[in-house]
Amino acid sequence: MANKLVAVADDEFYIVRALCVLFGRLGYDCVTARDGEAAVELVKREHPAILFLDLDMPKKNGYEVLREIRANPAYDDVHIVLLTAKGVDPEDDFATRLGADDCLLKPFDPQDVQRKVAEVLSKVPDPPEKVETQPSF
């Protein structure tokens, strides 16, 4: 499960905390960003398996972050779930055309988040086990 990292980018402290507590209880590591610029840097540095991305953040909004991440093919495997309280219709294809994989409306049901994470991370392969070898002389 070492490479099954979950990231949360949201400027609302309680959203970040609630999601990270949930992910911790599920056995996943969680990294966070509180603005759009930090979210882009987080993805570049940590390369999470899944990113929960708020649309309304300072410095760069979620759409700008989404565009920037999706412009780099190195991050095609990062699953992006948009978080919004703005009444974005999850059936609207605007976010999908930009490269979002899914959308959750706030307030969201923790069970929906849990299902989403389990679904995505079940498809992420475990890293190969390290085999200790003795040096040959």
C-alpha atoms as a PDB file:
ATOM      1  CA  MET A   1       0.000   0.000   0.000  1.00  0.00           C
ATOM      2  CA  ALA A   2       3.077   2.257   0.072  1.00  0.00           C
ATOM      3  CA  ASN A   3       2.373   3.880  -3.301  1.00  0.00           C
ATOM      4  CA  LYS A   4      -1.336   4.312  -2.632  1.00  0.00           C
ATOM      5  CA  LEU A   5      -1.064   7.920  -1.530  1.00  0.00           C
ATOM      6  CA  VAL A   6      -4.153  10.132  -1.265  1.00  0.00           C
ATOM      7  CA  ALA A   7      -3.915  13.925  -1.620  1.00  0.00           C
ATOM      8  CA  VAL A   8      -6.425  16.580  -0.569  1.00  0.00           C
ATOM      9  CA  ALA A   9      -6.283  20.137  -1.903  1.00  0.00           C
ATOM     10  CA  ASP A  10      -8.828  22.380  -0.202  1.00  0.00           C
ATOM     11  CA  ASP A  11      -8.621  25.727   1.603  1.00  0.00           C
ATOM     12  CA  GLU A  12     -11.203  24.688   4.199  1.00  0.00           C
ATOM     13  CA  PHE A  13      -9.340  23.326   7.234  1.00  0.00           C
ATOM     14  CA  TYR A  14     -12.190  21.106   8.432  1.00  0.00           C
ATOM     15  CA  ILE A  15     -12.661  19.479   5.023  1.00  0.00           C
ATOM     16  CA  VAL A  16      -8.938  18.661   4.835  1.00  0.00           C
ATOM     17  CA  ARG A  17      -8.893  17.361   8.395  1.00  0.00           C
ATOM     18  CA  ALA A  18     -12.039  15.243   8.003  1.00  0.00           C
ATOM     19  CA  LEU A  19     -10.792  13.643   4.797  1.00  0.00           C
ATOM     20  CA  CYS A  20      -7.319  12.930   6.173  1.00  0.00           C
ATOM     21  CA  VAL A  21      -8.782  11.378   9.336  1.00  0.00           C
ATOM     22  CA  LEU A  22     -11.031   9.194   7.157  1.00  0.00           C
ATOM     23  CA  PHE A  23      -8.125   8.137   4.931  1.00  0.00           C
ATOM     24  CA  GLY A  24      -5.939   7.430   7.965  1.00  0.00           C
ATOM     25  CA  ARG A  25      -8.637   5.172   9.408  1.00  0.00           C
ATOM     26  CA  LEU A  26      -8.732   3.340   6.079  1.00  0.00           C
ATOM     27  CA  GLY A  27      -4.974   2.813   6.233  1.00  0.00           C
ATOM     28  CA  TYR A  28      -3.944   5.312   3.569  1.00  0.00           C
ATOM     29  CA  ASP A  29      -1.336   8.051   3.836  1.00  0.00           C
ATOM     30  CA  CYS A  30      -2.702  11.533   3.170  1.00  0.00           C
ATOM     31  CA  VAL A  31      -0.873  14.668   2.017  1.00  0.00           C
ATOM     32  CA  THR A  32      -2.469  18.096   1.771  1.00  0.00           C
ATOM     33  CA  ALA A  33      -2.368  21.483   0.076  1.00  0.00           C
ATOM     34  CA  ARG A  34      -4.328  24.591   1.081  1.00  0.00           C
ATOM     35  CA  ASP A  35      -4.213  26.536  -2.216  1.00  0.00           C
ATOM     36  CA  GLY A  36      -3.989  25.855  -5.929  1.00  0.00           C
ATOM     37  CA  GLU A  37      -0.297  26.592  -6.357  1.00  0.00           C
ATOM     38  CA  ALA A  38       0.558  24.270  -3.479  1.00  0.00           C
ATOM     39  CA  ALA A  39      -1.710  21.608  -5.012  1.00  0.00           C
ATOM     40  CA  VAL A  40       0.256  21.603  -8.278  1.00  0.00           C
ATOM     41  CA  GLU A  41       3.550  21.390  -6.372  1.00  0.00           C
ATOM     42  CA  LEU A  42       2.153  18.603  -4.207  1.00  0.00           C
ATOM     43  CA  VAL A  43       1.254  16.508  -7.243  1.00  0.00           C
ATOM     44  CA  LYS A  44       4.684  17.075  -8.781  1.00  0.00           C
ATOM     45  CA  ARG A  45       6.494  16.205  -5.547  1.00  0.00           C
ATOM     46  CA  GLU A  46       4.363  13.338  -4.204  1.00  0.00           C
ATOM     47  CA  HIS A  47       2.636  11.906  -7.319  1.00  0.00           C
ATOM     48  CA  PRO A  48      -0.453  10.688  -5.412  1.00  0.00           C
ATOM     49  CA  ALA A  49      -2.700   7.949  -6.755  1.00  0.00           C
ATOM     50  CA  ILE A  50      -5.750  10.149  -6.186  1.00  0.00           C
ATOM     51  CA  LEU A  51      -6.268  13.885  -5.648  1.00  0.00           C
ATOM     52  CA  PHE A  52      -9.400  15.338  -4.081  1.00  0.00           C
ATOM     53  CA  LEU A  53      -9.391  18.861  -5.507  1.00  0.00           C
ATOM     54  CA  ASP A  54     -11.544  21.781  -4.356  1.00  0.00           C
ATOM     55  CA  LEU A  55     -12.691  24.082  -7.152  1.00  0.00           C
ATOM     56  CA  ASP A  56     -12.710  27.299  -5.122  1.00  0.00           C
ATOM     57  CA  MET A  57      -9.199  27.878  -3.735  1.00  0.00           C
ATOM     58  CA  PRO A  58      -6.839  30.850  -3.510  1.00  0.00           C
ATOM     59  CA  LYS A  59      -3.890  31.440  -5.875  1.00  0.00           C
ATOM     60  CA  LYS A  60      -5.220  28.995  -8.506  1.00  0.00           C
ATOM     61  CA  ASN A  61      -8.711  27.603  -8.642  1.00  0.00           C
ATOM     62  CA  GLY A  62      -9.393  23.893  -9.092  1.00  0.00           C
ATOM     63  CA  TYR A  63      -9.972  24.225 -12.840  1.00  0.00           C
ATOM     64  CA  GLU A  64      -6.557  25.877 -13.297  1.00  0.00           C
ATOM     65  CA  VAL A  65      -4.914  23.162 -11.218  1.00  0.00           C
ATOM     66  CA  LEU A  66      -6.728  20.483 -13.199  1.00  0.00           C
ATOM     67  CA  ARG A  67      -5.615  21.988 -16.528  1.00  0.00           C
ATOM     68  CA  GLU A  68      -2.003  22.249 -15.372  1.00  0.00           C
ATOM     69  CA  ILE A  69      -1.843  18.686 -14.067  1.00  0.00           C
ATOM     70  CA  ARG A  70      -3.538  17.229 -17.134  1.00  0.00           C
ATOM     71  CA  ALA A  71      -1.201  19.168 -19.456  1.00  0.00           C
ATOM     72  CA  ASN A  72       1.663  16.981 -18.233  1.00  0.00           C
ATOM     73  CA  PRO A  73       1.384  13.333 -19.352  1.00  0.00           C
ATOM     74  CA  ALA A  74       3.596  12.278 -16.413  1.00  0.00           C
ATOM     75  CA  TYR A  75       0.506  12.703 -14.211  1.00  0.00           C
ATOM     76  CA  ASP A  76      -2.033  10.915 -16.394  1.00  0.00           C
ATOM     77  CA  ASP A  77      -2.285   8.194 -13.745  1.00  0.00           C
ATOM     78  CA  VAL A  78      -3.328  10.630 -10.990  1.00  0.00           C
ATOM     79  CA  HIS A  79      -7.063  10.166 -10.488  1.00  0.00           C
ATOM     80  CA  ILE A  80      -8.688  13.574  -9.831  1.00  0.00           C
ATOM     81  CA  VAL A  81     -11.960  13.981  -7.952  1.00  0.00           C
ATOM     82  CA  LEU A  82     -13.311  17.530  -7.849  1.00  0.00           C
ATOM     83  CA  LEU A  83     -14.900  18.788  -4.636  1.00  0.00           C
ATOM     84  CA  THR A  84     -17.403  21.601  -4.921  1.00  0.00           C
ATOM     85  CA  ALA A  85     -20.169  23.277  -3.011  1.00  0.00           C
ATOM     86  CA  LYS A  86     -21.082  25.451  -5.970  1.00  0.00           C
ATOM     87  CA  GLY A  87     -23.781  23.268  -7.404  1.00  0.00           C
ATOM     88  CA  VAL A  88     -21.673  21.941 -10.243  1.00  0.00           C
ATOM     89  CA  ASP A  89     -23.690  19.220 -11.852  1.00  0.00           C
ATOM     90  CA  PRO A  90     -21.646  16.007 -11.613  1.00  0.00           C
ATOM     91  CA  GLU A  91     -23.192  15.016 -14.951  1.00  0.00           C
ATOM     92  CA  ASP A  92     -21.831  18.182 -16.639  1.00  0.00           C
ATOM     93  CA  ASP A  93     -18.994  17.240 -18.940  1.00  0.00           C
ATOM     94  CA  PHE A  94     -17.009  20.500 -18.565  1.00  0.00           C
ATOM     95  CA  ALA A  95     -14.867  19.103 -15.749  1.00  0.00           C
ATOM     96  CA  THR A  96     -14.585  15.785 -17.562  1.00  0.00           C
ATOM     97  CA  ARG A  97     -13.369  17.529 -20.722  1.00  0.00           C
ATOM     98  CA  LEU A  98     -10.689  19.213 -18.614  1.00  0.00           C
ATOM     99  CA  GLY A  99      -9.606  15.817 -17.306  1.00  0.00           C
ATOM    100  CA  ALA A 100     -11.458  15.280 -14.025  1.00  0.00           C
ATOM    101  CA  ASP A 101     -12.277  11.675 -13.297  1.00  0.00           C
ATOM    102  CA  ASP A 102     -15.135  12.401 -10.938  1.00  0.00           C
ATOM    103  CA  CYS A 103     -16.922  15.052  -8.890  1.00  0.00           C
ATOM    104  CA  LEU A 104     -18.317  15.089  -5.344  1.00  0.00           C
ATOM    105  CA  LEU A 105     -20.662  17.779  -4.101  1.00  0.00           C
ATOM    106  CA  LYS A 106     -20.143  19.243  -0.632  1.00  0.00           C
ATOM    107  CA  PRO A 107     -21.305  18.266   1.848  1.00  0.00           C
ATOM    108  CA  PHE A 108     -20.354  14.756   0.772  1.00  0.00           C
ATOM    109  CA  ASP A 109     -21.123  11.458   2.408  1.00  0.00           C
ATOM    110  CA  PRO A 110     -17.981   9.857   3.905  1.00  0.00           C
ATOM    111  CA  GLN A 111     -19.178   6.500   2.583  1.00  0.00           C
ATOM    112  CA  ASP A 112     -19.150   7.912  -0.968  1.00  0.00           C
ATOM    113  CA  VAL A 113     -15.588   9.130  -0.437  1.00  0.00           C
ATOM    114  CA  GLN A 114     -14.589   5.751   0.988  1.00  0.00           C
ATOM    115  CA  ARG A 115     -16.094   3.913  -1.996  1.00  0.00           C
ATOM    116  CA  LYS A 116     -14.364   6.261  -4.427  1.00  0.00           C
ATOM    117  CA  VAL A 117     -10.951   5.789  -2.798  1.00  0.00           C
ATOM    118  CA  ALA A 118     -11.332   2.018  -2.549  1.00  0.00           C
ATOM    119  CA  GLU A 119     -12.401   1.819  -6.204  1.00  0.00           C
ATOM    120  CA  VAL A 120      -9.471   3.881  -7.463  1.00  0.00           C
ATOM    121  CA  LEU A 121      -6.788   2.457  -5.210  1.00  0.00           C
ATOM    122  CA  SER A 122      -7.821  -1.130  -5.848  1.00  0.00           C
ATOM    123  CA  LYS A 123      -6.560  -0.584  -9.405  1.00  0.00           C
ATOM    124  CA  VAL A 124      -3.166   0.783  -8.303  1.00  0.00           C
ATOM    125  CA  PRO A 125      -0.566  -1.986  -8.316  1.00  0.00           C
ATOM    126  CA  ASP A 126       1.439  -2.585  -5.181  1.00  0.00           C
ATOM    127  CA  PRO A 127       5.112  -1.690  -5.535  1.00  0.00           C
ATOM    128  CA  PRO A 128       7.436  -4.648  -6.058  1.00  0.00           C
ATOM    129  CA  GLU A 129       8.889  -6.032  -2.872  1.00  0.00           C
ATOM    130  CA  LYS A 130      12.515  -5.246  -2.290  1.00  0.00           C
ATOM    131  CA  VAL A 131      14.694  -8.312  -2.317  1.00  0.00           C
ATOM    132  CA  GLU A 132      17.764  -8.101  -0.132  1.00  0.00           C
ATOM    133  CA  THR A 133      20.805  -9.561  -1.837  1.00  0.00           C
ATOM    134  CA  GLN A 134      24.239 -10.259  -0.518  1.00  0.00           C
ATOM    135  CA  PRO A 135      27.080  -8.591  -2.369  1.00  0.00           C
ATOM    136  CA  SER A 136      29.095 -10.998  -4.440  1.00  0.00           C
ATOM    137  CA  PHE A 137      32.853 -10.833  -4.226  1.00  0.00           C
END
